């Protein structure tokens, strides 16, 4: 089991590196506010709407990447604490197949299913 955990840890670290680089590239691609597009036949409003849409899209993507990074960092922290592979809800081991599919999983399938049912019922 140690070897498979080592492999999972390596996958988590490499995904963390990939997402960190992607976030840096995203931030580097931001155009300065004073840099304007060429004139539009519809005027300034269309330019502002386009810029607003691009900003919202970029911010949503940044948030998703930061959330994924937080999840990966939490899983890597669990390695350090020796609690990786243990369900945070019930304390039982998480099925290795689940960890293989989702290395940053926090819950076993039983607890995750229960959480989904509770969320759906609210």
N, C-alpha and C. Protein backbone atom coordinates (compact mmCIF):
# COMPACT_ATOMS: atom_id res chain seq x y z
N UNK A 1 0.83 -1.19 0.00
CA UNK A 1 0.00 0.00 0.00
C UNK A 1 0.87 1.25 0.00
N UNK A 2 2.03 1.21 0.61
CA UNK A 2 2.92 2.36 0.66
C UNK A 2 3.31 2.81 -0.75
N UNK A 3 3.62 1.84 -1.61
CA UNK A 3 4.02 2.18 -2.97
C UNK A 3 2.89 2.88 -3.70
N UNK A 4 1.65 2.40 -3.55
CA UNK A 4 0.53 3.05 -4.23
C UNK A 4 0.29 4.45 -3.64
N UNK A 5 0.48 4.62 -2.33
CA UNK A 5 0.37 5.94 -1.73
C UNK A 5 1.46 6.86 -2.25
N UNK A 6 2.66 6.33 -2.45
CA UNK A 6 3.75 7.13 -3.01
C UNK A 6 3.39 7.61 -4.41
N UNK A 7 2.80 6.72 -5.18
CA UNK A 7 2.38 7.07 -6.54
C UNK A 7 1.28 8.14 -6.50
N UNK A 8 0.33 7.99 -5.59
CA UNK A 8 -0.73 8.98 -5.46
C UNK A 8 -0.17 10.33 -5.03
N UNK A 9 0.77 10.30 -4.11
CA UNK A 9 1.39 11.55 -3.66
C UNK A 9 2.11 12.24 -4.81
N UNK A 10 2.80 11.45 -5.61
CA UNK A 10 3.49 12.00 -6.78
C UNK A 10 2.49 12.63 -7.76
N UNK A 11 1.35 11.98 -7.96
CA UNK A 11 0.32 12.55 -8.84
C UNK A 11 -0.22 13.86 -8.28
N UNK A 12 -0.44 13.89 -6.96
CA UNK A 12 -0.92 15.12 -6.32
C UNK A 12 0.08 16.25 -6.49
N UNK A 13 1.36 15.96 -6.27
CA UNK A 13 2.40 16.99 -6.38
C UNK A 13 2.52 17.49 -7.81
N UNK A 14 2.43 16.59 -8.77
CA UNK A 14 2.57 17.02 -10.16
C UNK A 14 1.35 17.83 -10.60
N UNK A 15 0.16 17.47 -10.13
CA UNK A 15 -1.03 18.26 -10.43
C UNK A 15 -0.95 19.63 -9.76
N UNK A 16 -0.42 19.67 -8.55
CA UNK A 16 -0.24 20.93 -7.84
C UNK A 16 0.70 21.85 -8.63
N UNK A 17 1.78 21.30 -9.13
CA UNK A 17 2.73 22.09 -9.92
C UNK A 17 2.07 22.60 -11.21
N UNK A 18 1.31 21.73 -11.87
CA UNK A 18 0.65 22.11 -13.12
C UNK A 18 -0.35 23.24 -12.89
N UNK A 19 -1.14 23.12 -11.83
CA UNK A 19 -2.14 24.15 -11.55
C UNK A 19 -1.49 25.47 -11.12
N UNK A 20 -0.39 25.40 -10.37
CA UNK A 20 0.33 26.60 -9.96
C UNK A 20 0.86 27.33 -11.19
N UNK A 21 1.41 26.58 -12.14
CA UNK A 21 1.91 27.18 -13.38
C UNK A 21 0.76 27.78 -14.20
N UNK A 22 -0.36 27.06 -14.25
CA UNK A 22 -1.52 27.54 -15.00
C UNK A 22 -2.04 28.85 -14.40
N UNK A 23 -2.07 28.92 -13.07
CA UNK A 23 -2.53 30.14 -12.40
C UNK A 23 -1.58 31.30 -12.68
N UNK A 24 -0.28 31.02 -12.65
CA UNK A 24 0.71 32.07 -12.94
C UNK A 24 0.56 32.58 -14.37
N UNK A 25 0.35 31.67 -15.32
CA UNK A 25 0.16 32.07 -16.72
C UNK A 25 -1.11 32.90 -16.88
N UNK A 26 -2.14 32.51 -16.18
CA UNK A 26 -3.40 33.24 -16.25
C UNK A 26 -3.23 34.66 -15.73
N UNK A 27 -2.53 34.81 -14.62
CA UNK A 27 -2.30 36.14 -14.06
C UNK A 27 -1.39 36.97 -14.96
N UNK A 28 -0.42 36.32 -15.61
CA UNK A 28 0.50 37.04 -16.49
C UNK A 28 -0.18 37.51 -17.77
N UNK A 29 -1.27 36.86 -18.14
CA UNK A 29 -1.94 37.21 -19.40
C UNK A 29 -2.93 38.36 -19.25
N UNK A 30 -3.08 38.88 -18.05
CA UNK A 30 -4.02 39.98 -17.82
C UNK A 30 -3.51 41.24 -18.51
N UNK A 31 -4.40 41.85 -19.27
CA UNK A 31 -4.03 43.10 -19.95
C UNK A 31 -4.22 44.26 -19.00
N UNK A 32 -3.35 45.24 -19.07
CA UNK A 32 -3.53 46.43 -18.23
C UNK A 32 -4.86 47.11 -18.55
N UNK A 33 -5.45 47.73 -17.55
CA UNK A 33 -6.76 48.39 -17.73
C UNK A 33 -6.69 49.53 -18.73
N UNK A 34 -5.54 50.16 -18.83
CA UNK A 34 -5.44 51.30 -19.75
C UNK A 34 -5.23 50.87 -21.20
N UNK A 35 -5.02 49.59 -21.42
CA UNK A 35 -4.85 49.09 -22.80
C UNK A 35 -6.23 48.80 -23.37
N UNK A 36 -6.63 49.53 -24.36
CA UNK A 36 -7.97 49.41 -24.93
C UNK A 36 -7.92 48.69 -26.27
N UNK A 37 -9.04 48.11 -26.62
CA UNK A 37 -9.19 47.47 -27.93
C UNK A 37 -9.36 48.55 -29.00
N UNK A 38 -9.24 48.11 -30.24
CA UNK A 38 -9.54 49.02 -31.35
C UNK A 38 -11.02 49.35 -31.31
N UNK A 39 -11.39 50.44 -31.90
CA UNK A 39 -12.78 50.89 -31.88
C UNK A 39 -13.74 49.85 -32.42
N UNK A 40 -14.92 49.82 -31.86
CA UNK A 40 -15.97 48.90 -32.27
C UNK A 40 -17.06 49.71 -32.97
N UNK A 41 -17.73 49.14 -33.94
CA UNK A 41 -18.83 49.86 -34.58
C UNK A 41 -19.97 50.14 -33.60
N UNK A 42 -20.00 49.44 -32.47
CA UNK A 42 -21.06 49.63 -31.48
C UNK A 42 -20.61 50.54 -30.34
N UNK A 43 -19.41 51.03 -30.43
CA UNK A 43 -18.94 51.99 -29.45
C UNK A 43 -18.37 51.39 -28.19
N UNK A 44 -18.25 52.27 -27.22
CA UNK A 44 -17.57 51.94 -25.97
C UNK A 44 -18.31 50.89 -25.14
N UNK A 45 -19.63 50.87 -25.21
CA UNK A 45 -20.40 49.93 -24.40
C UNK A 45 -20.06 48.48 -24.72
N UNK A 46 -19.91 48.18 -26.00
CA UNK A 46 -19.58 46.81 -26.39
C UNK A 46 -18.19 46.44 -25.86
N UNK A 47 -17.25 47.36 -25.95
CA UNK A 47 -15.90 47.11 -25.43
C UNK A 47 -15.95 46.81 -23.94
N UNK A 48 -16.70 47.63 -23.20
CA UNK A 48 -16.79 47.44 -21.75
C UNK A 48 -17.48 46.12 -21.42
N UNK A 49 -18.51 45.76 -22.17
CA UNK A 49 -19.21 44.49 -21.93
C UNK A 49 -18.28 43.31 -22.19
N UNK A 50 -17.50 43.40 -23.26
CA UNK A 50 -16.56 42.34 -23.59
C UNK A 50 -15.49 42.22 -22.51
N UNK A 51 -14.97 43.35 -22.08
CA UNK A 51 -13.94 43.34 -21.04
C UNK A 51 -14.49 42.79 -19.72
N UNK A 52 -15.72 43.15 -19.40
CA UNK A 52 -16.35 42.64 -18.18
C UNK A 52 -16.53 41.13 -18.25
N UNK A 53 -16.99 40.64 -19.40
CA UNK A 53 -17.16 39.20 -19.58
C UNK A 53 -15.82 38.47 -19.45
N UNK A 54 -14.79 39.02 -20.08
CA UNK A 54 -13.46 38.40 -19.99
C UNK A 54 -12.95 38.39 -18.55
N UNK A 55 -13.17 39.48 -17.83
CA UNK A 55 -12.74 39.56 -16.43
C UNK A 55 -13.49 38.53 -15.58
N UNK A 56 -14.80 38.45 -15.75
CA UNK A 56 -15.59 37.49 -14.98
C UNK A 56 -15.16 36.06 -15.27
N UNK A 57 -14.91 35.77 -16.53
CA UNK A 57 -14.47 34.43 -16.93
C UNK A 57 -13.12 34.10 -16.31
N UNK A 58 -12.19 35.06 -16.37
CA UNK A 58 -10.86 34.84 -15.82
C UNK A 58 -10.92 34.66 -14.30
N UNK A 59 -11.72 35.49 -13.64
CA UNK A 59 -11.84 35.38 -12.18
C UNK A 59 -12.46 34.04 -11.77
N UNK A 60 -13.45 33.57 -12.52
CA UNK A 60 -14.07 32.27 -12.23
C UNK A 60 -13.05 31.14 -12.42
N UNK A 61 -12.26 31.25 -13.47
CA UNK A 61 -11.23 30.23 -13.72
C UNK A 61 -10.16 30.27 -12.63
N UNK A 62 -9.74 31.46 -12.23
CA UNK A 62 -8.76 31.59 -11.14
C UNK A 62 -9.29 30.98 -9.85
N UNK A 63 -10.55 31.23 -9.55
CA UNK A 63 -11.15 30.69 -8.33
C UNK A 63 -11.18 29.17 -8.38
N UNK A 64 -11.58 28.62 -9.52
CA UNK A 64 -11.61 27.16 -9.66
C UNK A 64 -10.22 26.56 -9.46
N UNK A 65 -9.21 27.18 -10.04
CA UNK A 65 -7.84 26.68 -9.91
C UNK A 65 -7.39 26.80 -8.45
N UNK A 66 -7.68 27.94 -7.80
CA UNK A 66 -7.29 28.09 -6.38
C UNK A 66 -7.99 27.06 -5.50
N UNK A 67 -9.27 26.78 -5.78
CA UNK A 67 -10.00 25.77 -5.02
C UNK A 67 -9.38 24.39 -5.21
N UNK A 68 -9.02 24.07 -6.45
CA UNK A 68 -8.37 22.78 -6.72
C UNK A 68 -7.02 22.70 -6.01
N UNK A 69 -6.27 23.80 -6.05
CA UNK A 69 -4.98 23.82 -5.36
C UNK A 69 -5.15 23.62 -3.85
N UNK A 70 -6.16 24.24 -3.27
CA UNK A 70 -6.41 24.09 -1.84
C UNK A 70 -6.72 22.64 -1.51
N UNK A 71 -7.49 21.99 -2.36
CA UNK A 71 -7.84 20.58 -2.15
C UNK A 71 -6.59 19.69 -2.24
N UNK A 72 -5.75 19.98 -3.22
CA UNK A 72 -4.50 19.21 -3.37
C UNK A 72 -3.57 19.44 -2.18
N UNK A 73 -3.45 20.70 -1.76
CA UNK A 73 -2.58 21.00 -0.63
C UNK A 73 -3.09 20.36 0.66
N UNK A 74 -4.40 20.28 0.80
CA UNK A 74 -4.99 19.61 1.97
C UNK A 74 -4.62 18.12 1.96
N UNK A 75 -4.74 17.49 0.79
CA UNK A 75 -4.39 16.08 0.67
C UNK A 75 -2.91 15.86 0.96
N UNK A 76 -2.05 16.73 0.45
CA UNK A 76 -0.61 16.60 0.71
C UNK A 76 -0.31 16.83 2.19
N UNK A 77 -1.04 17.72 2.83
CA UNK A 77 -0.88 17.95 4.26
C UNK A 77 -1.27 16.70 5.05
N UNK A 78 -2.30 15.99 4.56
CA UNK A 78 -2.70 14.75 5.22
C UNK A 78 -1.59 13.69 5.13
N UNK A 79 -0.83 13.72 4.04
CA UNK A 79 0.32 12.82 3.94
C UNK A 79 1.30 13.11 5.07
N UNK A 80 1.58 14.41 5.27
CA UNK A 80 2.52 14.82 6.30
C UNK A 80 2.05 14.41 7.69
N UNK A 81 0.75 14.48 7.92
CA UNK A 81 0.18 14.14 9.22
C UNK A 81 -0.06 12.65 9.40
N UNK A 82 0.09 11.89 8.31
CA UNK A 82 -0.14 10.44 8.38
C UNK A 82 -1.60 10.06 8.35
N UNK A 83 -2.46 10.97 7.89
CA UNK A 83 -3.90 10.68 7.86
C UNK A 83 -4.43 10.54 6.44
N UNK A 84 -3.56 10.47 5.46
CA UNK A 84 -4.01 10.34 4.08
C UNK A 84 -4.70 8.99 3.90
N UNK A 85 -5.80 9.00 3.16
CA UNK A 85 -6.53 7.77 2.88
C UNK A 85 -7.55 7.42 3.94
N UNK A 86 -7.75 8.32 4.92
CA UNK A 86 -8.73 8.11 5.98
C UNK A 86 -9.86 9.11 5.81
N UNK A 87 -11.10 8.63 5.85
CA UNK A 87 -12.28 9.48 5.69
C UNK A 87 -12.32 10.51 6.81
N UNK A 88 -12.53 11.77 6.45
CA UNK A 88 -12.59 12.84 7.43
C UNK A 88 -13.90 12.84 8.21
N UNK A 89 -14.91 12.13 7.71
CA UNK A 89 -16.20 12.09 8.39
C UNK A 89 -16.31 10.93 9.38
N UNK A 90 -15.97 9.72 8.93
CA UNK A 90 -16.18 8.54 9.77
C UNK A 90 -14.89 7.92 10.30
N UNK A 91 -13.75 8.32 9.74
CA UNK A 91 -12.47 7.80 10.20
C UNK A 91 -12.08 6.45 9.62
N UNK A 92 -12.90 5.92 8.73
CA UNK A 92 -12.61 4.63 8.09
C UNK A 92 -11.69 4.85 6.88
N UNK A 93 -10.96 3.80 6.49
CA UNK A 93 -10.11 3.94 5.29
C UNK A 93 -10.94 4.19 4.04
N UNK A 94 -10.43 5.05 3.18
CA UNK A 94 -11.08 5.32 1.89
C UNK A 94 -10.64 4.23 0.92
N UNK A 95 -11.58 3.72 0.16
CA UNK A 95 -11.31 2.66 -0.81
C UNK A 95 -10.18 3.09 -1.75
N UNK A 96 -9.15 2.24 -1.90
CA UNK A 96 -8.04 2.59 -2.80
C UNK A 96 -8.49 2.93 -4.23
N UNK A 97 -9.56 2.30 -4.70
CA UNK A 97 -10.05 2.61 -6.05
C UNK A 97 -10.55 4.05 -6.10
N UNK A 98 -11.18 4.52 -5.03
CA UNK A 98 -11.64 5.91 -4.98
C UNK A 98 -10.44 6.85 -4.97
N UNK A 99 -9.42 6.52 -4.20
CA UNK A 99 -8.22 7.37 -4.16
C UNK A 99 -7.50 7.36 -5.50
N UNK A 100 -7.54 6.23 -6.18
CA UNK A 100 -6.92 6.14 -7.51
C UNK A 100 -7.64 7.09 -8.47
N UNK A 101 -8.96 7.13 -8.38
CA UNK A 101 -9.74 7.98 -9.26
C UNK A 101 -9.68 9.45 -8.85
N UNK A 102 -9.64 9.71 -7.54
CA UNK A 102 -9.65 11.07 -7.01
C UNK A 102 -8.69 11.14 -5.82
N UNK A 103 -7.40 11.32 -6.10
CA UNK A 103 -6.39 11.27 -5.03
C UNK A 103 -6.62 12.26 -3.89
N UNK A 104 -7.34 13.35 -4.14
CA UNK A 104 -7.58 14.34 -3.09
C UNK A 104 -8.90 14.10 -2.36
N UNK A 105 -9.50 12.91 -2.52
CA UNK A 105 -10.77 12.60 -1.86
C UNK A 105 -10.63 12.74 -0.34
N UNK A 106 -11.64 13.38 0.27
CA UNK A 106 -11.64 13.60 1.72
C UNK A 106 -12.54 12.59 2.43
N UNK A 107 -13.47 11.98 1.68
CA UNK A 107 -14.48 11.11 2.29
C UNK A 107 -14.56 9.78 1.57
N UNK A 108 -14.99 8.77 2.32
CA UNK A 108 -15.27 7.47 1.71
C UNK A 108 -16.58 7.62 0.91
N UNK A 109 -16.89 6.64 0.10
CA UNK A 109 -18.08 6.72 -0.74
C UNK A 109 -19.36 6.76 0.09
N UNK A 110 -19.41 6.02 1.20
CA UNK A 110 -20.61 6.03 2.04
C UNK A 110 -20.88 7.44 2.57
N UNK A 111 -19.87 8.07 3.11
CA UNK A 111 -20.04 9.43 3.66
C UNK A 111 -20.32 10.44 2.56
N UNK A 112 -19.66 10.30 1.42
CA UNK A 112 -19.89 11.23 0.30
C UNK A 112 -21.32 11.11 -0.20
N UNK A 113 -21.82 9.87 -0.29
CA UNK A 113 -23.20 9.64 -0.71
C UNK A 113 -24.17 10.27 0.28
N UNK A 114 -23.90 10.09 1.56
CA UNK A 114 -24.76 10.68 2.60
C UNK A 114 -24.73 12.21 2.54
N UNK A 115 -23.55 12.77 2.31
CA UNK A 115 -23.43 14.23 2.20
C UNK A 115 -24.24 14.75 1.01
N UNK A 116 -24.18 14.01 -0.10
CA UNK A 116 -24.93 14.41 -1.31
C UNK A 116 -26.42 14.34 -1.05
N UNK A 117 -26.87 13.29 -0.36
CA UNK A 117 -28.30 13.17 -0.04
C UNK A 117 -28.74 14.30 0.87
N UNK A 118 -27.92 14.64 1.87
CA UNK A 118 -28.25 15.73 2.79
C UNK A 118 -28.32 17.06 2.06
N UNK A 119 -27.38 17.29 1.15
CA UNK A 119 -27.36 18.55 0.39
C UNK A 119 -28.57 18.64 -0.53
N UNK A 120 -28.95 17.51 -1.10
CA UNK A 120 -30.09 17.49 -2.02
C UNK A 120 -31.40 17.73 -1.28
N UNK A 121 -31.48 17.27 -0.04
CA UNK A 121 -32.68 17.42 0.75
C UNK A 121 -32.90 18.81 1.30
N UNK A 122 -31.88 19.65 1.28
CA UNK A 122 -31.99 20.99 1.86
C UNK A 122 -32.56 21.98 0.88
